Amino acid sequence: MPEAAVKSAPRLSLVWLIPLIAVVVGGWLAFKTLSERGPTVVIEFKTASGLSSGQTKVKFKDVEVGQVTAIDVGPDLKTVLVTAELKHGFAEHLSENTRFWVERPRVSASGVSGLDTLLSGAYIAMDPGDQGRDQRRFEGLEEPPLFTTAEPGRQFVLRSPTLGSLNIGSPVYYRQIQVGQVVGYALDDDGQAVSIEVFVSAPHDALVSGNTRFWNASGIDFSMSGSGFSLDTQSLLSVVVGGIGFDTPETIDSGDGGRTLPETFPLYPTREAAHAKTYSRKERYLLFFEGSVRGLAIGAPVLLKGIDIGKVLDIQLQYSIEDSEFQIPVLIEVEPDRIAIRGDAASLEGVNLIERLVSSGLRGQLKFESLLTGGLYVDLDIYPDAGPGVVGTYGDYDLIPTIPTPLEALTTKVTHILDKIDAIPLDRIGRDLGTTVAGASALLNSGELEQTLGALRATLEQVRGTVEQLNHSIAPELARTLEEGSRALEKAGSMLSTSSPFQADLQRMFQDVSSAARAVRLLADYLERHPEALLKGKGR
């Protein structure tokens, strides 16, 4: 019998290839899906108004880059958590600087935005941040940022005691041209100031240097000076929504120090304050005024020779129990560096300049800054008549002597005059004057005065007649006398003439007298030498 041939069956059936291929394809599809799947982010908002799971899109520059996949309420029930899946390529753009916000119709100071969402519906906008730590959970913005990270420019932080009328979106001006906006503000941790973030677009951001001054340009700046009234405003928009202006004063050195940007810039209240010179050294003094200080306010200027060197910091009303009097201390702050020193400045080392000026007659006085408003300011000036003074101390402050205001000085003088007038015995003078007038009236009304006047009139008539008689008798004699005097003068003139005989005789007489004097002098000399000649005679 023939033997049967045994053949081994194949271990793997072709039927198993189908599920194997399916597994491979499925794995490849799963790998591809997972590899192409974008990152998932969780965004925290205060409300989910306008958002819908599976419908709301995530956009960047109006291009869809993701979709909302879930919306849940936060654990604290105060916020909502929106889960969104982004495209694969955005994983590397998610960092701590990435921002998300809901784009919906809004009306703000910067304008109207989000009108396109009226038809398409709200969506989540994205602003990627390339720098920073990787992050997948974000806190969404309630308001859209005014500038994205891709916008060329720089942000600057300003510090101000108050926010004023500034708000997010308020314009930033340079020479009345809008170059940026306010992008945020927050109260400092100590509560003493407000930090304001502004964004200045390129290329205008290069205009900001270490010497740049920012000021609040909100509303209308009204000022009054000796030259008149002035109004200053950046634009009509800044009047309504506020604004900030900045500039770099030309009087400030813009060298190497000007290129170093500080961390924060001070925000000045006005343009004038921003352009004013600033000095780091400040000294505080106390002045006591006896009269009224109505019109003097905190912040009033302190002037020396008409130059602003400081301001008033505080005004108080104090009552002294010992003296039972009121006193008004005024605290001022001055900047001594505003006084330029000429000559040997080294001689002032260790010497208080104000103390030296007080010894020369420096005094404080209240004066009117404006008669229209009645405002006062503290005027410091040298009064030589005041004499040398001494800087005293009151608590922690040095004292500057004061003098009364011009009005008080005038009032004091008027009071002294009135006191002197009051000291005059007007009643006694009035009685004496009345007695004198009565006596004069009695004299005028008496008959003796009339007789005296009649006698005086007769005497005057006699004098007039005598004078007329003298004129008739003396006038001819006087004329003859004058004529004879004239002839005598003519004769004297002819005698004194150089050609007259009298003049020749007179010259000969003088010559003879001179000869005789010479002979007498010779005789005297001879007798002095020969006194015996008086007895014996002159020898031969």
Foldseek 3Di string as FASTA:
>chain_A
DDDDDDDDDDPDDPVVVVVVVVVVVVVVVVVVCVQFWADKAKEKAQDCPQADAPQAFEDEPNHGFKGWHDKAQDPVNRIIITMITGTRVCQQQAAQPKAKEKQDWDQDLQGTGRPVCVPVIIHIYIATDNDHHHDRYYYYDHDDFPDGPVFAWDKAKEKEQDPPLADFNAFEDEVLHTFWTWGDKDQDPVNRIIITMITGGPPCNVQQWQQKAKEWQAAWDWDAAPVGIDIDHSDPSSPPRTYMYMHHDPVDDCPPRRHDHDRYHYYHHDPVVRNDDDDDDKAKAKEKDQDDQPQEDFQFFEEEVRHTFWTWHDWDWDADPVVRGIIIITMIMGDVVVDDDDDPPVVCVVPDPLQVQQQQAWAWEWDARDPVRRHIHIYIYHDNVVHGDGFPDDPPHTYGHHDYYPVVVVVVVVVVVVVVVVPPPPVVVVVVVVVVVVVVVVVVPDVVVVVVVVVVVVVVVVVVVVVVVCCVPVVVVVVVVVVVVVVVVVVVVQLPDCPHVNVVVVVVVVVVVVVVVVVVVVVVVVCVVPVCCVPVNDDD
